[in-house]
Amino acid sequence: MDKDLIQLGLKIGNKRREKNLTQGELAERLNISNNHLSSLENGRSGPSYVLFKELCEELELDPGYLMFGESENIPVSDSLIHKLNCCDTEQQIFISQIIDIMLNKK
């Protein structure tokens, strides 16, 4: 398993428990199955861009913390957010894959 996905899943699970939500309650709010949420929390899979965004909003998590473990807000320009929001799901997945490649080259 990918150690980054495991860390991501731990953060999601910890925040869910901190907010006193069951997996079922959070899964329902996100419109995903309990099994899918369990896979995310156990690091067996990663969220799509759309689900990542919804997780951050629902759990009130900073995306920078969730992705990189940083507790401070990482400034993201409004223009970049606007551009990402204008992309369809396929384009967002492609952009996410490019970012993954860039991060793995460090």
C-alpha atoms as a PDB file:
ATOM      1  CA  MET A   1       0.000   0.000   0.000  1.00  0.00           C
ATOM      2  CA  ASP A   2       1.083   3.560  -0.682  1.00  0.00           C
ATOM      3  CA  LYS A   3       2.262   5.207   2.548  1.00  0.00           C
ATOM      4  CA  ASP A   4       0.860   8.578   1.418  1.00  0.00           C
ATOM      5  CA  LEU A   5      -2.599   7.046   1.009  1.00  0.00           C
ATOM      6  CA  ILE A   6      -2.296   5.453   4.444  1.00  0.00           C
ATOM      7  CA  GLN A   7      -1.440   8.843   5.995  1.00  0.00           C
ATOM      8  CA  LEU A   8      -4.299  10.491   4.093  1.00  0.00           C
ATOM      9  CA  GLY A   9      -6.700   7.833   5.331  1.00  0.00           C
ATOM     10  CA  LEU A  10      -5.549   8.197   8.929  1.00  0.00           C
ATOM     11  CA  LYS A  11      -6.179  11.945   8.805  1.00  0.00           C
ATOM     12  CA  ILE A  12      -9.655  11.431   7.338  1.00  0.00           C
ATOM     13  CA  GLY A  13     -10.553   8.820   9.952  1.00  0.00           C
ATOM     14  CA  ASN A  14      -9.172  10.866  12.843  1.00  0.00           C
ATOM     15  CA  LYS A  15     -11.085  13.978  11.796  1.00  0.00           C
ATOM     16  CA  ARG A  16     -14.279  11.960  11.253  1.00  0.00           C
ATOM     17  CA  ARG A  17     -14.029  10.550  14.782  1.00  0.00           C
ATOM     18  CA  GLU A  18     -13.161  14.012  16.162  1.00  0.00           C
ATOM     19  CA  LYS A  19     -16.441  15.254  14.670  1.00  0.00           C
ATOM     20  CA  ASN A  20     -18.253  12.269  16.259  1.00  0.00           C
ATOM     21  CA  LEU A  21     -19.369  10.876  12.912  1.00  0.00           C
ATOM     22  CA  THR A  22     -19.676   7.199  12.068  1.00  0.00           C
ATOM     23  CA  GLN A  23     -18.366   5.950   8.750  1.00  0.00           C
ATOM     24  CA  GLY A  24     -21.970   5.452   7.695  1.00  0.00           C
ATOM     25  CA  GLU A  25     -22.932   9.040   8.526  1.00  0.00           C
ATOM     26  CA  LEU A  26     -19.976  10.537   6.659  1.00  0.00           C
ATOM     27  CA  ALA A  27     -20.422   8.184   3.710  1.00  0.00           C
ATOM     28  CA  GLU A  28     -24.071   9.227   3.443  1.00  0.00           C
ATOM     29  CA  ARG A  29     -23.143  12.923   3.518  1.00  0.00           C
ATOM     30  CA  LEU A  30     -20.594  12.307   0.747  1.00  0.00           C
ATOM     31  CA  ASN A  31     -22.963  10.087  -1.240  1.00  0.00           C
ATOM     32  CA  ILE A  32     -20.503   7.170  -1.260  1.00  0.00           C
ATOM     33  CA  SER A  33     -20.699   3.646   0.165  1.00  0.00           C
ATOM     34  CA  ASN A  34     -19.402   2.689   3.596  1.00  0.00           C
ATOM     35  CA  ASN A  35     -16.984   0.319   1.852  1.00  0.00           C
ATOM     36  CA  HIS A  36     -15.558   3.156  -0.249  1.00  0.00           C
ATOM     37  CA  LEU A  37     -15.025   5.329   2.840  1.00  0.00           C
ATOM     38  CA  SER A  38     -13.453   2.388   4.651  1.00  0.00           C
ATOM     39  CA  SER A  39     -11.061   1.887   1.713  1.00  0.00           C
ATOM     40  CA  LEU A  40     -10.106   5.562   1.883  1.00  0.00           C
ATOM     41  CA  GLU A  41      -9.529   5.507   5.638  1.00  0.00           C
ATOM     42  CA  ASN A  42      -7.463   2.317   5.390  1.00  0.00           C
ATOM     43  CA  GLY A  43      -5.280   3.651   2.578  1.00  0.00           C
ATOM     44  CA  ARG A  44      -6.445   1.077   0.038  1.00  0.00           C
ATOM     45  CA  SER A  45      -7.641   3.798  -2.357  1.00  0.00           C
ATOM     46  CA  GLY A  46      -7.453   7.533  -2.811  1.00  0.00           C
ATOM     47  CA  PRO A  47     -10.253  10.011  -3.390  1.00  0.00           C
ATOM     48  CA  SER A  48     -11.052  11.620  -6.714  1.00  0.00           C
ATOM     49  CA  TYR A  49     -10.529  15.370  -6.949  1.00  0.00           C
ATOM     50  CA  VAL A  50     -14.241  15.963  -6.421  1.00  0.00           C
ATOM     51  CA  LEU A  51     -14.419  13.636  -3.414  1.00  0.00           C
ATOM     52  CA  PHE A  52     -11.225  15.156  -1.974  1.00  0.00           C
ATOM     53  CA  LYS A  53     -12.834  18.590  -2.164  1.00  0.00           C
ATOM     54  CA  GLU A  54     -16.044  17.302  -0.554  1.00  0.00           C
ATOM     55  CA  LEU A  55     -14.081  15.588   2.238  1.00  0.00           C
ATOM     56  CA  CYS A  56     -12.251  18.834   3.001  1.00  0.00           C
ATOM     57  CA  GLU A  57     -15.517  20.761   3.116  1.00  0.00           C
ATOM     58  CA  GLU A  58     -17.474  18.187   5.122  1.00  0.00           C
ATOM     59  CA  LEU A  59     -14.714  17.582   7.668  1.00  0.00           C
ATOM     60  CA  GLU A  60     -13.588  21.232   7.679  1.00  0.00           C
ATOM     61  CA  LEU A  61     -10.055  20.186   6.772  1.00  0.00           C
ATOM     62  CA  ASP A  62      -7.389  22.292   5.119  1.00  0.00           C
ATOM     63  CA  PRO A  63      -6.456  20.620   1.820  1.00  0.00           C
ATOM     64  CA  GLY A  64      -2.795  21.379   2.506  1.00  0.00           C
ATOM     65  CA  TYR A  65      -2.952  19.527   5.796  1.00  0.00           C
ATOM     66  CA  LEU A  66      -4.752  16.596   4.248  1.00  0.00           C
ATOM     67  CA  MET A  67      -2.314  16.315   1.330  1.00  0.00           C
ATOM     68  CA  PHE A  68       0.975  17.363   2.848  1.00  0.00           C
ATOM     69  CA  GLY A  69       0.525  17.216   6.598  1.00  0.00           C
ATOM     70  CA  GLU A  70       0.977  20.939   6.970  1.00  0.00           C
ATOM     71  CA  SER A  71      -1.226  22.601   9.523  1.00  0.00           C
ATOM     72  CA  GLU A  72      -0.993  26.045   7.969  1.00  0.00           C
ATOM     73  CA  ASN A  73      -3.161  27.085   5.061  1.00  0.00           C
ATOM     74  CA  ILE A  74      -1.312  26.804   1.794  1.00  0.00           C
ATOM     75  CA  PRO A  75      -2.409  29.752  -0.291  1.00  0.00           C
ATOM     76  CA  VAL A  76      -4.019  28.666  -3.534  1.00  0.00           C
ATOM     77  CA  SER A  77      -4.828  31.424  -5.942  1.00  0.00           C
ATOM     78  CA  ASP A  78      -8.474  32.044  -6.712  1.00  0.00           C
ATOM     79  CA  SER A  79      -7.652  31.854 -10.403  1.00  0.00           C
ATOM     80  CA  LEU A  80      -6.257  28.326 -10.011  1.00  0.00           C
ATOM     81  CA  ILE A  81      -9.318  27.222  -8.065  1.00  0.00           C
ATOM     82  CA  HIS A  82     -11.556  28.785 -10.714  1.00  0.00           C
ATOM     83  CA  LYS A  83      -9.675  26.982 -13.488  1.00  0.00           C
ATOM     84  CA  LEU A  84      -9.973  23.637 -11.695  1.00  0.00           C
ATOM     85  CA  ASN A  85     -13.683  24.183 -11.114  1.00  0.00           C
ATOM     86  CA  CYS A  86     -14.142  24.841 -14.855  1.00  0.00           C
ATOM     87  CA  CYS A  87     -12.642  21.443 -15.708  1.00  0.00           C
ATOM     88  CA  ASP A  88     -14.804  18.394 -16.202  1.00  0.00           C
ATOM     89  CA  THR A  89     -14.194  15.258 -14.129  1.00  0.00           C
ATOM     90  CA  GLU A  90     -11.911  13.672 -16.730  1.00  0.00           C
ATOM     91  CA  GLN A  91      -9.751  16.802 -16.876  1.00  0.00           C
ATOM     92  CA  GLN A  92      -9.599  17.012 -13.073  1.00  0.00           C
ATOM     93  CA  ILE A  93      -8.439  13.384 -12.900  1.00  0.00           C
ATOM     94  CA  PHE A  94      -5.759  14.135 -15.501  1.00  0.00           C
ATOM     95  CA  ILE A  95      -4.571  17.199 -13.558  1.00  0.00           C
ATOM     96  CA  SER A  96      -4.508  15.149 -10.351  1.00  0.00           C
ATOM     97  CA  GLN A  97      -2.347  12.520 -12.073  1.00  0.00           C
ATOM     98  CA  ILE A  98       0.082  15.194 -13.272  1.00  0.00           C
ATOM     99  CA  ILE A  99       0.357  16.580  -9.728  1.00  0.00           C
ATOM    100  CA  ASP A 100       0.970  13.047  -8.396  1.00  0.00           C
ATOM    101  CA  ILE A 101       3.797  12.598 -10.917  1.00  0.00           C
ATOM    102  CA  MET A 102       5.308  15.948  -9.942  1.00  0.00           C
ATOM    103  CA  LEU A 103       5.146  15.158  -6.224  1.00  0.00           C
ATOM    104  CA  ASN A 104       6.702  11.722  -6.669  1.00  0.00           C
ATOM    105  CA  LYS A 105       9.756  13.227  -8.421  1.00  0.00           C
ATOM    106  CA  LYS A 106      10.818  15.081  -5.268  1.00  0.00           C
END
